[in-house]
N, C-alpha and C. Protein backbone atom coordinates (compact mmCIF):
# COMPACT_ATOMS: atom_id res chain seq x y z
N MET A 1 4.05 24.00 19.23
CA MET A 1 4.00 25.03 17.85
C MET A 1 3.22 24.54 16.75
N GLN A 2 2.55 25.44 16.28
CA GLN A 2 1.96 24.92 14.93
C GLN A 2 2.84 24.94 13.89
N LYS A 3 2.44 23.98 12.69
CA LYS A 3 3.23 23.72 11.52
C LYS A 3 3.39 25.13 10.76
N SER A 4 2.75 25.87 10.86
CA SER A 4 2.78 27.42 9.82
C SER A 4 3.79 28.29 10.89
N GLU A 5 3.54 28.24 12.25
CA GLU A 5 4.60 28.85 12.92
C GLU A 5 5.91 28.26 12.86
N ILE A 6 6.17 27.17 12.94
CA ILE A 6 7.43 26.35 12.73
C ILE A 6 7.96 26.90 11.37
N SER A 7 7.28 26.78 10.38
CA SER A 7 7.60 27.10 9.05
C SER A 7 8.17 28.51 8.70
N ARG A 8 7.51 29.52 9.55
CA ARG A 8 7.76 30.92 9.42
C ARG A 8 9.15 31.22 10.40
N LEU A 9 9.27 30.59 11.49
CA LEU A 9 10.74 30.59 12.04
C LEU A 9 11.69 30.00 11.13
N GLN A 10 11.55 28.76 10.69
CA GLN A 10 12.56 28.17 9.99
C GLN A 10 13.02 29.32 8.94
N GLN A 11 11.88 29.79 7.86
CA GLN A 11 12.41 30.88 7.35
C GLN A 11 13.13 32.01 7.53
N TYR A 12 12.86 32.35 8.81
CA TYR A 12 13.71 33.52 9.37
C TYR A 12 14.88 33.06 9.63
N LEU A 13 15.11 31.95 10.38
CA LEU A 13 16.62 31.78 10.58
C LEU A 13 17.44 31.42 9.42
N GLN A 14 16.70 30.64 8.31
CA GLN A 14 17.41 30.48 7.20
C GLN A 14 17.81 31.48 6.48
N GLU A 15 16.85 32.39 6.67
CA GLU A 15 17.35 34.11 5.95
C GLU A 15 18.34 34.66 6.85
N LYS A 16 18.20 34.78 8.15
CA LYS A 16 18.96 35.45 8.99
C LYS A 16 20.68 34.86 9.07
N PHE A 17 20.62 33.74 9.08
CA PHE A 17 22.08 33.14 8.86
C PHE A 17 22.30 32.64 7.41
N GLY A 18 21.62 33.05 6.63
CA GLY A 18 22.10 32.77 5.10
C GLY A 18 22.34 31.13 4.97
N ASN A 19 21.61 30.29 5.38
CA ASN A 19 21.86 29.13 5.15
C ASN A 19 20.37 28.21 5.12
N ARG A 20 20.14 27.83 3.77
CA ARG A 20 19.08 27.03 3.65
C ARG A 20 19.07 25.50 4.52
N ASN A 21 20.33 25.09 4.93
CA ASN A 21 20.38 23.80 5.61
C ASN A 21 19.95 23.78 7.17
N LEU A 22 19.46 24.68 7.47
CA LEU A 22 18.87 24.82 8.50
C LEU A 22 17.24 24.28 8.68
N ARG A 23 17.24 23.53 9.37
CA ARG A 23 15.89 23.06 9.60
C ARG A 23 15.37 22.60 11.06
N LEU A 24 13.93 22.88 11.01
CA LEU A 24 13.15 22.86 12.49
C LEU A 24 12.52 21.72 12.49
N SER A 25 12.56 21.05 13.54
CA SER A 25 11.73 19.87 13.64
C SER A 25 10.90 19.72 14.89
N PRO A 26 9.48 19.43 14.97
CA PRO A 26 8.88 19.27 16.25
C PRO A 26 9.40 18.39 17.20
N ARG A 27 9.46 18.44 18.66
CA ARG A 27 10.05 17.69 19.71
C ARG A 27 8.48 16.83 20.21
N LYS A 28 8.78 15.52 20.20
CA LYS A 28 7.57 14.69 20.35
C LYS A 28 7.24 14.88 22.05
N GLU A 29 8.05 15.04 22.74
CA GLU A 29 7.85 15.19 23.97
C GLU A 29 7.66 16.70 24.94
N ALA A 30 7.54 17.67 23.77
CA ALA A 30 7.40 19.24 24.21
C ALA A 30 6.78 19.61 23.14
N GLY A 31 5.43 20.25 23.21
CA GLY A 31 4.67 20.75 22.13
C GLY A 31 5.29 22.56 21.82
N ASP A 32 6.18 22.97 23.19
CA ASP A 32 6.36 24.28 23.17
C ASP A 32 7.91 24.67 22.43
N SER A 33 8.59 23.55 21.75
CA SER A 33 9.85 23.61 21.53
C SER A 33 9.88 22.87 20.16
N VAL A 34 11.09 23.39 19.45
CA VAL A 34 11.78 22.45 18.32
C VAL A 34 13.04 22.50 18.43
N GLU A 35 13.38 21.23 17.49
CA GLU A 35 14.82 20.90 17.64
C GLU A 35 15.18 21.66 16.22
N VAL A 36 16.66 21.90 16.35
CA VAL A 36 17.18 23.10 15.44
C VAL A 36 18.43 22.00 14.76
N MET A 37 18.19 21.62 13.31
CA MET A 37 19.12 20.59 12.93
C MET A 37 19.99 21.66 11.86
N LEU A 38 21.15 21.28 11.61
CA LEU A 38 22.16 21.80 10.76
C LEU A 38 22.70 20.86 9.59
N ASN A 39 22.09 20.55 8.45
CA ASN A 39 22.26 19.47 7.76
C ASN A 39 21.57 18.31 8.56
N ASP A 40 22.31 17.31 8.81
CA ASP A 40 21.78 16.17 9.87
C ASP A 40 22.18 16.27 11.20
N GLU A 41 23.01 17.67 11.59
CA GLU A 41 23.40 17.44 13.14
C GLU A 41 22.51 18.30 13.99
N PHE A 42 22.13 17.93 15.04
CA PHE A 42 21.10 18.36 16.01
C PHE A 42 22.49 19.61 16.53
N ILE A 43 22.03 20.88 16.36
CA ILE A 43 22.74 21.78 17.09
C ILE A 43 21.86 22.49 18.22
N GLY A 44 20.66 22.50 18.60
CA GLY A 44 19.94 23.36 19.45
C GLY A 44 18.34 22.97 19.59
N VAL A 45 17.88 24.03 20.47
CA VAL A 45 16.43 23.58 20.71
C VAL A 45 15.88 25.03 20.86
N ILE A 46 14.86 25.52 20.31
CA ILE A 46 14.01 26.58 20.07
C ILE A 46 12.90 26.63 21.11
N TYR A 47 12.66 27.39 22.20
CA TYR A 47 11.76 27.08 23.37
C TYR A 47 10.64 28.28 22.81
N ARG A 48 9.40 28.26 22.91
CA ARG A 48 8.46 29.33 22.36
C ARG A 48 7.77 29.77 23.85
N ASP A 49 7.77 31.03 24.29
CA ASP A 49 7.25 31.92 25.29
C ASP A 49 6.24 32.97 24.87
N GLU A 50 5.00 32.53 25.68
CA GLU A 50 4.02 33.58 25.44
C GLU A 50 3.90 34.39 27.06
N ASP A 51 3.88 35.57 27.24
CA ASP A 51 3.94 36.34 28.08
C ASP A 51 3.04 37.54 27.98
N GLU A 52 1.82 37.48 28.69
CA GLU A 52 0.58 38.51 28.27
C GLU A 52 0.27 38.74 26.85
N GLY A 53 0.35 37.92 26.19
CA GLY A 53 0.02 37.91 24.59
C GLY A 53 0.96 38.21 23.88
N ASP A 54 2.35 38.38 24.30
CA ASP A 54 3.53 38.71 23.59
C ASP A 54 4.30 37.27 23.58
N VAL A 55 4.62 37.17 22.30
CA VAL A 55 5.23 35.98 21.90
C VAL A 55 6.92 36.02 21.69
N SER A 56 7.48 35.07 22.17
CA SER A 56 9.02 35.28 22.13
C SER A 56 9.85 34.03 21.67
N TYR A 57 10.86 33.91 21.10
CA TYR A 57 11.59 32.47 20.86
C TYR A 57 12.90 32.56 21.66
N ASP A 58 13.34 31.45 22.45
CA ASP A 58 14.77 31.33 22.97
C ASP A 58 15.56 30.32 22.27
N PHE A 59 16.33 30.50 21.70
CA PHE A 59 17.37 29.64 20.90
C PHE A 59 18.32 29.03 22.03
N ASN A 60 18.37 27.77 22.33
CA ASN A 60 19.55 27.42 23.21
C ASN A 60 20.57 26.42 22.14
N MET A 61 21.64 26.82 22.28
CA MET A 61 22.77 26.08 21.98
C MET A 61 23.99 25.67 22.42
N ALA A 62 24.12 24.62 22.86
CA ALA A 62 25.14 23.91 23.77
C ALA A 62 26.46 23.80 22.87
N ILE A 63 27.56 24.14 23.38
CA ILE A 63 28.87 24.24 22.58
C ILE A 63 29.86 23.43 23.57
N LEU A 64 30.26 22.24 23.08
CA LEU A 64 31.11 21.44 23.95
C LEU A 64 32.84 22.00 23.76
N GLU A 65 33.27 22.21 24.72
CA GLU A 65 34.68 22.88 24.71
C GLU A 65 35.77 21.75 23.80
N MET A 66 35.35 20.60 23.69
CA MET A 66 35.83 19.74 22.78
C MET A 66 35.96 19.69 21.52
N ASP A 67 34.84 20.37 21.12
CA ASP A 67 34.39 20.59 19.80
C ASP A 67 34.76 21.84 19.19
N LEU A 68 35.41 22.82 19.89
CA LEU A 68 36.28 24.04 19.51
C LEU A 68 37.57 23.71 18.85
N PRO A 69 37.81 24.76 18.02
CA PRO A 69 39.22 24.45 17.47
C PRO A 69 40.43 24.66 18.58
N PRO A 70 41.71 23.98 18.35
CA PRO A 70 42.75 24.32 19.40
C PRO A 70 42.85 26.05 19.54
N ALA A 71 43.09 26.22 20.74
CA ALA A 71 43.52 27.41 21.13
C ALA A 71 44.84 27.90 20.56
N ALA A 72 44.94 29.24 19.92
CA ALA A 72 45.94 29.74 19.51
C ALA A 72 47.20 29.93 20.08
């Protein structure tokens, strides 16, 4: 992904979630995706997909059961 595309995507996510602490950074091993960071914590990956000229983005976030609050 180009820097301008990453910047636009980051701005969109910051506005959508109301959190300026969301940051996107390019992945060294893959040019079609970025890492999503909240403060300094890695929370997921966004993949870029282009199909017949249409571009979309897929946000993958793994949540471990052990990180959830206790069951009520």
